[in-house]
Amino acid sequence: VLDRFRAFPEFQRAYWRAFEDAITGPLVATTFAARVDRVYSGLVSAGVGPDSPQGLKDYVAARRNYILNQLANVAAPFAVSGPTSFSTNRNLITLSGTAPIRVATLTLNGVPVQPTWTSVTNWTVRVALQPGVNQLVIQGWDNKGQPVGGASATRTINFTGTVDPPQGRIIFHEIMYNPTVPGAEFVELRNLSTNTAYDLSGWRVNGLDLTLPAGTILEP
């Protein structure tokens, strides 16, 4: 179970990101020395007579270098595969690319999306296009909500087909309002269109206190 847990790409990324935060924060030599030296000085002032903290500093420096070498094995640039502009007659496309460990969140035109991580560095995102020219800006953000330098790309996609309006095509297909098991209520939506995928991000179902999350795509 733990092996499967560790092998899940999103968990791997969070794991490596914690190490990256450590080597750029508390394990930086000057940062670590400032904390250790303060304690050392306090012990000296109290007459305890502690040993030199240099051994601790050397150990942390060695571990920091080791982590740096390990992070090199999962390093990747930010990139989006394929041409920067193209035309298609399908309104549902899949973008793919790579992202460094520092990227914790992806946004599409400023809206968070839920990528599928196929490996520790590779991602895919489904996008429902609108008729005409679609200008897509893909941006990577760190776990502190800051844009990652160099983690941005733009794609211009001309959708030459048509999109069916959602009215009468997105329907309530099944409703379970009184299940035997408490808390197992559900509503099932169905897309009756034969050629249009719909982006349901932000759709709200009144009476259920439900807003569909960003990146919710309903295919035909």
C-alpha atoms as a PDB file:
ATOM      1  CA  VAL A   1       0.000   0.000   0.000  1.00  0.00           C
ATOM      2  CA  LEU A   2       2.774   2.435   0.898  1.00  0.00           C
ATOM      3  CA  ASP A   3       4.649   1.627  -2.312  1.00  0.00           C
ATOM      4  CA  ARG A   4       1.544   2.497  -4.353  1.00  0.00           C
ATOM      5  CA  PHE A   5       1.091   5.640  -2.295  1.00  0.00           C
ATOM      6  CA  ARG A   6       4.663   6.746  -2.938  1.00  0.00           C
ATOM      7  CA  ALA A   7       4.429   5.881  -6.639  1.00  0.00           C
ATOM      8  CA  PHE A   8       1.492   8.256  -7.233  1.00  0.00           C
ATOM      9  CA  PRO A   9       2.995  11.154  -9.270  1.00  0.00           C
ATOM     10  CA  GLU A  10       1.216  13.979  -7.427  1.00  0.00           C
ATOM     11  CA  PHE A  11       2.399  12.641  -4.069  1.00  0.00           C
ATOM     12  CA  GLN A  12       5.923  12.244  -5.456  1.00  0.00           C
ATOM     13  CA  ARG A  13       5.900  15.886  -6.528  1.00  0.00           C
ATOM     14  CA  ALA A  14       4.755  17.046  -3.079  1.00  0.00           C
ATOM     15  CA  TYR A  15       7.465  14.874  -1.495  1.00  0.00           C
ATOM     16  CA  TRP A  16      10.241  16.349  -3.646  1.00  0.00           C
ATOM     17  CA  ARG A  17       8.819  19.851  -3.241  1.00  0.00           C
ATOM     18  CA  ALA A  18       9.210  19.545   0.543  1.00  0.00           C
ATOM     19  CA  PHE A  19      12.896  18.739   0.060  1.00  0.00           C
ATOM     20  CA  GLU A  20      13.253  21.657  -2.347  1.00  0.00           C
ATOM     21  CA  ASP A  21      11.690  23.985   0.237  1.00  0.00           C
ATOM     22  CA  ALA A  22      14.143  22.655   2.838  1.00  0.00           C
ATOM     23  CA  ILE A  23      17.303  23.291   0.794  1.00  0.00           C
ATOM     24  CA  THR A  24      16.165  26.806  -0.122  1.00  0.00           C
ATOM     25  CA  GLY A  25      15.119  27.610   3.448  1.00  0.00           C
ATOM     26  CA  PRO A  26      16.201  26.095   6.781  1.00  0.00           C
ATOM     27  CA  LEU A  27      19.117  24.097   5.312  1.00  0.00           C
ATOM     28  CA  VAL A  28      20.809  27.120   3.727  1.00  0.00           C
ATOM     29  CA  ALA A  29      24.171  27.422   5.477  1.00  0.00           C
ATOM     30  CA  THR A  30      23.695  30.989   6.756  1.00  0.00           C
ATOM     31  CA  THR A  31      20.116  30.302   7.911  1.00  0.00           C
ATOM     32  CA  PHE A  32      21.072  27.127   9.759  1.00  0.00           C
ATOM     33  CA  ALA A  33      24.174  28.727  11.300  1.00  0.00           C
ATOM     34  CA  ALA A  34      22.174  31.695  12.598  1.00  0.00           C
ATOM     35  CA  ARG A  35      19.844  29.369  14.521  1.00  0.00           C
ATOM     36  CA  VAL A  36      22.553  27.052  15.823  1.00  0.00           C
ATOM     37  CA  ASP A  37      24.920  29.851  16.807  1.00  0.00           C
ATOM     38  CA  ARG A  38      22.191  31.578  18.788  1.00  0.00           C
ATOM     39  CA  VAL A  39      21.606  28.426  20.851  1.00  0.00           C
ATOM     40  CA  TYR A  40      25.349  27.840  21.199  1.00  0.00           C
ATOM     41  CA  SER A  41      25.922  31.378  22.468  1.00  0.00           C
ATOM     42  CA  GLY A  42      23.122  30.971  24.977  1.00  0.00           C
ATOM     43  CA  LEU A  43      24.658  27.763  26.346  1.00  0.00           C
ATOM     44  CA  VAL A  44      28.072  29.399  26.572  1.00  0.00           C
ATOM     45  CA  SER A  45      26.578  32.354  28.461  1.00  0.00           C
ATOM     46  CA  ALA A  46      24.914  29.922  30.863  1.00  0.00           C
ATOM     47  CA  GLY A  47      28.266  28.294  31.581  1.00  0.00           C
ATOM     48  CA  VAL A  48      27.277  24.930  30.118  1.00  0.00           C
ATOM     49  CA  GLY A  49      30.418  24.632  27.999  1.00  0.00           C
ATOM     50  CA  PRO A  50      28.941  23.024  24.842  1.00  0.00           C
ATOM     51  CA  ASP A  51      30.967  21.480  22.053  1.00  0.00           C
ATOM     52  CA  SER A  52      31.449  23.472  18.862  1.00  0.00           C
ATOM     53  CA  PRO A  53      28.400  23.355  16.550  1.00  0.00           C
ATOM     54  CA  GLN A  54      30.642  23.005  13.515  1.00  0.00           C
ATOM     55  CA  GLY A  55      29.936  19.268  13.331  1.00  0.00           C
ATOM     56  CA  LEU A  56      26.209  19.984  12.984  1.00  0.00           C
ATOM     57  CA  LYS A  57      26.892  22.570  10.279  1.00  0.00           C
ATOM     58  CA  ASP A  58      29.086  20.154   8.335  1.00  0.00           C
ATOM     59  CA  TYR A  59      26.446  17.416   8.571  1.00  0.00           C
ATOM     60  CA  VAL A  60      23.633  19.694   7.334  1.00  0.00           C
ATOM     61  CA  ALA A  61      25.825  20.967   4.485  1.00  0.00           C
ATOM     62  CA  ALA A  62      26.529  17.384   3.410  1.00  0.00           C
ATOM     63  CA  ARG A  63      22.851  16.431   3.527  1.00  0.00           C
ATOM     64  CA  ARG A  64      21.893  19.550   1.580  1.00  0.00           C
ATOM     65  CA  ASN A  65      24.350  18.622  -1.174  1.00  0.00           C
ATOM     66  CA  TYR A  66      22.954  15.079  -1.215  1.00  0.00           C
ATOM     67  CA  ILE A  67      19.391  16.382  -1.630  1.00  0.00           C
ATOM     68  CA  LEU A  68      20.532  18.688  -4.432  1.00  0.00           C
ATOM     69  CA  ASN A  69      21.972  15.692  -6.269  1.00  0.00           C
ATOM     70  CA  GLN A  70      18.743  13.731  -5.776  1.00  0.00           C
ATOM     71  CA  LEU A  71      16.590  16.609  -7.034  1.00  0.00           C
ATOM     72  CA  ALA A  72      18.665  16.678 -10.214  1.00  0.00           C
ATOM     73  CA  ASN A  73      17.166  13.274 -11.042  1.00  0.00           C
ATOM     74  CA  VAL A  74      13.643  14.730 -11.178  1.00  0.00           C
ATOM     75  CA  ALA A  75      14.505  18.080 -12.751  1.00  0.00           C
ATOM     76  CA  ALA A  76      12.513  19.231 -15.777  1.00  0.00           C
ATOM     77  CA  PRO A  77      11.870  22.512 -17.588  1.00  0.00           C
ATOM     78  CA  PHE A  78       8.441  24.015 -17.992  1.00  0.00           C
ATOM     79  CA  ALA A  79       7.230  23.189 -21.485  1.00  0.00           C
ATOM     80  CA  VAL A  80       4.037  22.614 -23.453  1.00  0.00           C
ATOM     81  CA  SER A  81       4.256  20.065 -26.237  1.00  0.00           C
ATOM     82  CA  GLY A  82       3.163  20.666 -29.819  1.00  0.00           C
ATOM     83  CA  PRO A  83       2.953  23.751 -32.019  1.00  0.00           C
ATOM     84  CA  THR A  84       2.237  27.184 -30.572  1.00  0.00           C
ATOM     85  CA  SER A  85      -0.734  27.598 -32.909  1.00  0.00           C
ATOM     86  CA  PHE A  86      -2.935  25.206 -34.860  1.00  0.00           C
ATOM     87  CA  SER A  87      -6.483  24.580 -36.078  1.00  0.00           C
ATOM     88  CA  THR A  88      -8.860  21.764 -35.154  1.00  0.00           C
ATOM     89  CA  ASN A  89     -12.452  20.757 -35.868  1.00  0.00           C
ATOM     90  CA  ARG A  90     -12.853  19.156 -32.416  1.00  0.00           C
ATOM     91  CA  ASN A  91     -13.746  21.268 -29.417  1.00  0.00           C
ATOM     92  CA  LEU A  92     -12.062  18.979 -26.873  1.00  0.00           C
ATOM     93  CA  ILE A  93      -8.274  18.894 -26.953  1.00  0.00           C
ATOM     94  CA  THR A  94      -5.576  17.630 -24.616  1.00  0.00           C
ATOM     95  CA  LEU A  95      -2.543  19.760 -23.834  1.00  0.00           C
ATOM     96  CA  SER A  96       0.544  18.045 -22.455  1.00  0.00           C
ATOM     97  CA  GLY A  97       3.919  19.092 -21.182  1.00  0.00           C
ATOM     98  CA  THR A  98       6.446  19.033 -18.376  1.00  0.00           C
ATOM     99  CA  ALA A  99       6.873  21.085 -15.211  1.00  0.00           C
ATOM    100  CA  PRO A 100       9.588  21.456 -12.586  1.00  0.00           C
ATOM    101  CA  ILE A 101       8.939  20.195  -9.065  1.00  0.00           C
ATOM    102  CA  ARG A 102       8.444  23.756  -7.854  1.00  0.00           C
ATOM    103  CA  VAL A 103       5.184  24.021  -9.813  1.00  0.00           C
ATOM    104  CA  ALA A 104       2.362  23.078  -7.439  1.00  0.00           C
ATOM    105  CA  THR A 105      -0.573  24.498  -9.412  1.00  0.00           C
ATOM    106  CA  LEU A 106      -1.386  25.065 -13.080  1.00  0.00           C
ATOM    107  CA  THR A 107      -3.774  27.751 -14.299  1.00  0.00           C
ATOM    108  CA  LEU A 108      -5.367  28.173 -17.701  1.00  0.00           C
ATOM    109  CA  ASN A 109      -6.169  31.815 -18.450  1.00  0.00           C
ATOM    110  CA  GLY A 110      -5.954  32.467 -14.717  1.00  0.00           C
ATOM    111  CA  VAL A 111      -8.306  29.642 -13.689  1.00  0.00           C
ATOM    112  CA  PRO A 112      -6.830  26.690 -11.723  1.00  0.00           C
ATOM    113  CA  VAL A 113      -7.021  23.387 -13.579  1.00  0.00           C
ATOM    114  CA  GLN A 114      -6.572  19.832 -12.354  1.00  0.00           C
ATOM    115  CA  PRO A 115      -3.873  18.238 -14.504  1.00  0.00           C
ATOM    116  CA  THR A 116      -3.296  14.526 -14.785  1.00  0.00           C
ATOM    117  CA  TRP A 117       0.308  13.816 -13.809  1.00  0.00           C
ATOM    118  CA  THR A 118       1.464  10.855 -15.880  1.00  0.00           C
ATOM    119  CA  SER A 119       4.891  10.924 -14.216  1.00  0.00           C
ATOM    120  CA  VAL A 120       6.709  13.054 -11.661  1.00  0.00           C
ATOM    121  CA  THR A 121       7.345  15.716 -14.356  1.00  0.00           C
ATOM    122  CA  ASN A 122       4.774  15.121 -17.136  1.00  0.00           C
ATOM    123  CA  TRP A 123       1.198  16.437 -17.169  1.00  0.00           C
ATOM    124  CA  THR A 124      -1.898  16.520 -19.387  1.00  0.00           C
ATOM    125  CA  VAL A 125      -4.883  18.894 -19.277  1.00  0.00           C
ATOM    126  CA  ARG A 126      -8.155  18.642 -21.203  1.00  0.00           C
ATOM    127  CA  VAL A 127      -9.565  21.864 -22.648  1.00  0.00           C
ATOM    128  CA  ALA A 128     -13.035  22.504 -24.102  1.00  0.00           C
ATOM    129  CA  LEU A 129     -12.670  25.085 -26.884  1.00  0.00           C
ATOM    130  CA  GLN A 130     -15.078  27.773 -28.017  1.00  0.00           C
ATOM    131  CA  PRO A 131     -15.718  28.513 -31.708  1.00  0.00           C
ATOM    132  CA  GLY A 132     -13.085  30.682 -33.346  1.00  0.00           C
ATOM    133  CA  VAL A 133      -9.676  31.595 -31.984  1.00  0.00           C
ATOM    134  CA  ASN A 134      -8.889  30.433 -28.439  1.00  0.00           C
ATOM    135  CA  GLN A 135      -5.955  32.148 -26.744  1.00  0.00           C
ATOM    136  CA  LEU A 136      -4.702  29.914 -23.914  1.00  0.00           C
ATOM    137  CA  VAL A 137      -2.152  31.010 -21.310  1.00  0.00           C
ATOM    138  CA  ILE A 138      -0.760  28.173 -19.200  1.00  0.00           C
ATOM    139  CA  GLN A 139       0.986  29.327 -15.998  1.00  0.00           C
ATOM    140  CA  GLY A 140       2.732  27.424 -13.224  1.00  0.00           C
ATOM    141  CA  TRP A 141       2.521  28.573  -9.577  1.00  0.00           C
ATOM    142  CA  ASP A 142       4.452  27.470  -6.506  1.00  0.00           C
ATOM    143  CA  ASN A 143       2.952  26.244  -3.223  1.00  0.00           C
ATOM    144  CA  LYS A 144       3.057  29.791  -1.825  1.00  0.00           C
ATOM    145  CA  GLY A 145       0.810  31.159  -4.563  1.00  0.00           C
ATOM    146  CA  GLN A 146       3.613  32.867  -6.503  1.00  0.00           C
ATOM    147  CA  PRO A 147       4.206  32.476 -10.262  1.00  0.00           C
ATOM    148  CA  VAL A 148       7.219  30.307 -11.049  1.00  0.00           C
ATOM    149  CA  GLY A 149       9.747  32.096 -13.219  1.00  0.00           C
ATOM    150  CA  GLY A 150       9.818  30.764 -16.771  1.00  0.00           C
ATOM    151  CA  ALA A 151       6.770  28.556 -16.152  1.00  0.00           C
ATOM    152  CA  SER A 152       4.433  30.142 -18.667  1.00  0.00           C
ATOM    153  CA  ALA A 153       3.395  29.358 -22.227  1.00  0.00           C
ATOM    154  CA  THR A 154       0.769  30.544 -24.700  1.00  0.00           C
ATOM    155  CA  ARG A 155      -1.119  28.514 -27.284  1.00  0.00           C
ATOM    156  CA  THR A 156      -3.366  29.911 -30.033  1.00  0.00           C
ATOM    157  CA  ILE A 157      -5.938  27.378 -31.234  1.00  0.00           C
ATOM    158  CA  ASN A 158      -8.496  27.994 -33.945  1.00  0.00           C
ATOM    159  CA  PHE A 159     -11.568  25.820 -33.457  1.00  0.00           C
ATOM    160  CA  THR A 160     -13.259  25.565 -36.851  1.00  0.00           C
ATOM    161  CA  GLY A 161     -16.299  23.564 -35.747  1.00  0.00           C
ATOM    162  CA  THR A 162     -19.482  24.487 -33.913  1.00  0.00           C
ATOM    163  CA  VAL A 163     -20.557  24.075 -30.304  1.00  0.00           C
ATOM    164  CA  ASP A 164     -24.037  22.904 -29.353  1.00  0.00           C
ATOM    165  CA  PRO A 165     -25.646  25.093 -26.679  1.00  0.00           C
ATOM    166  CA  PRO A 166     -25.808  23.281 -23.315  1.00  0.00           C
ATOM    167  CA  GLN A 167     -29.558  23.889 -22.862  1.00  0.00           C
ATOM    168  CA  GLY A 168     -31.365  20.603 -23.375  1.00  0.00           C
ATOM    169  CA  ARG A 169     -28.096  18.717 -23.733  1.00  0.00           C
ATOM    170  CA  ILE A 170     -26.735  18.800 -20.174  1.00  0.00           C
ATOM    171  CA  ILE A 171     -29.448  16.975 -18.267  1.00  0.00           C
ATOM    172  CA  PHE A 172     -30.128  15.417 -14.887  1.00  0.00           C
ATOM    173  CA  HIS A 173     -29.823  11.759 -15.808  1.00  0.00           C
ATOM    174  CA  GLU A 174     -30.180  10.139 -12.409  1.00  0.00           C
ATOM    175  CA  ILE A 175     -31.008  11.368  -8.901  1.00  0.00           C
ATOM    176  CA  MET A 176     -30.604   9.461  -5.647  1.00  0.00           C
ATOM    177  CA  TYR A 177     -32.257  11.615  -2.974  1.00  0.00           C
ATOM    178  CA  ASN A 178     -33.118   9.036  -0.294  1.00  0.00           C
ATOM    179  CA  PRO A 179     -30.430   6.325  -0.181  1.00  0.00           C
ATOM    180  CA  THR A 180     -30.382   3.446   2.264  1.00  0.00           C
ATOM    181  CA  VAL A 181     -26.883   4.468   3.353  1.00  0.00           C
ATOM    182  CA  PRO A 182     -26.832   7.940   4.967  1.00  0.00           C
ATOM    183  CA  GLY A 183     -24.793  10.509   3.066  1.00  0.00           C
ATOM    184  CA  ALA A 184     -24.846   8.557  -0.219  1.00  0.00           C
ATOM    185  CA  GLU A 185     -27.088  10.963  -2.117  1.00  0.00           C
ATOM    186  CA  PHE A 186     -25.956  11.806  -5.643  1.00  0.00           C
ATOM    187  CA  VAL A 187     -26.959  13.562  -8.835  1.00  0.00           C
ATOM    188  CA  GLU A 188     -25.725  12.286 -12.207  1.00  0.00           C
ATOM    189  CA  LEU A 189     -25.368  14.671 -15.137  1.00  0.00           C
ATOM    190  CA  ARG A 190     -25.304  13.476 -18.737  1.00  0.00           C
ATOM    191  CA  ASN A 191     -24.186  15.150 -21.954  1.00  0.00           C
ATOM    192  CA  LEU A 192     -26.602  14.303 -24.775  1.00  0.00           C
ATOM    193  CA  SER A 193     -24.583  16.144 -27.423  1.00  0.00           C
ATOM    194  CA  THR A 194     -22.828  13.874 -29.884  1.00  0.00           C
ATOM    195  CA  ASN A 195     -19.968  16.236 -30.763  1.00  0.00           C
ATOM    196  CA  THR A 196     -19.538  18.846 -28.015  1.00  0.00           C
ATOM    197  CA  ALA A 197     -17.652  18.600 -24.736  1.00  0.00           C
ATOM    198  CA  TYR A 198     -18.648  21.139 -22.092  1.00  0.00           C
ATOM    199  CA  ASP A 199     -16.499  22.852 -19.494  1.00  0.00           C
ATOM    200  CA  LEU A 200     -18.667  22.835 -16.363  1.00  0.00           C
ATOM    201  CA  SER A 201     -16.167  24.746 -14.217  1.00  0.00           C
ATOM    202  CA  GLY A 202     -18.060  26.936 -11.772  1.00  0.00           C
ATOM    203  CA  TRP A 203     -21.501  25.572 -12.632  1.00  0.00           C
ATOM    204  CA  ARG A 204     -23.788  25.620  -9.606  1.00  0.00           C
ATOM    205  CA  VAL A 205     -26.631  23.232  -8.826  1.00  0.00           C
ATOM    206  CA  ASN A 206     -29.131  25.196  -6.748  1.00  0.00           C
ATOM    207  CA  GLY A 207     -30.520  23.285  -3.804  1.00  0.00           C
ATOM    208  CA  LEU A 208     -27.449  21.043  -3.519  1.00  0.00           C
ATOM    209  CA  ASP A 209     -25.019  23.705  -2.297  1.00  0.00           C
ATOM    210  CA  LEU A 210     -22.665  22.479  -5.007  1.00  0.00           C
ATOM    211  CA  THR A 211     -20.329  24.388  -7.303  1.00  0.00           C
ATOM    212  CA  LEU A 212     -18.494  22.177  -9.763  1.00  0.00           C
ATOM    213  CA  PRO A 213     -14.710  22.544  -9.461  1.00  0.00           C
ATOM    214  CA  ALA A 214     -12.437  24.048 -12.097  1.00  0.00           C
ATOM    215  CA  GLY A 215     -11.432  21.622 -14.814  1.00  0.00           C
ATOM    216  CA  THR A 216     -14.714  19.655 -14.831  1.00  0.00           C
ATOM    217  CA  ILE A 217     -15.168  18.510 -18.442  1.00  0.00           C
ATOM    218  CA  LEU A 218     -18.227  16.537 -19.545  1.00  0.00           C
ATOM    219  CA  GLU A 219     -17.678  14.725 -22.834  1.00  0.00           C
ATOM    220  CA  PRO A 220     -20.388  13.440 -25.176  1.00  0.00           C
END
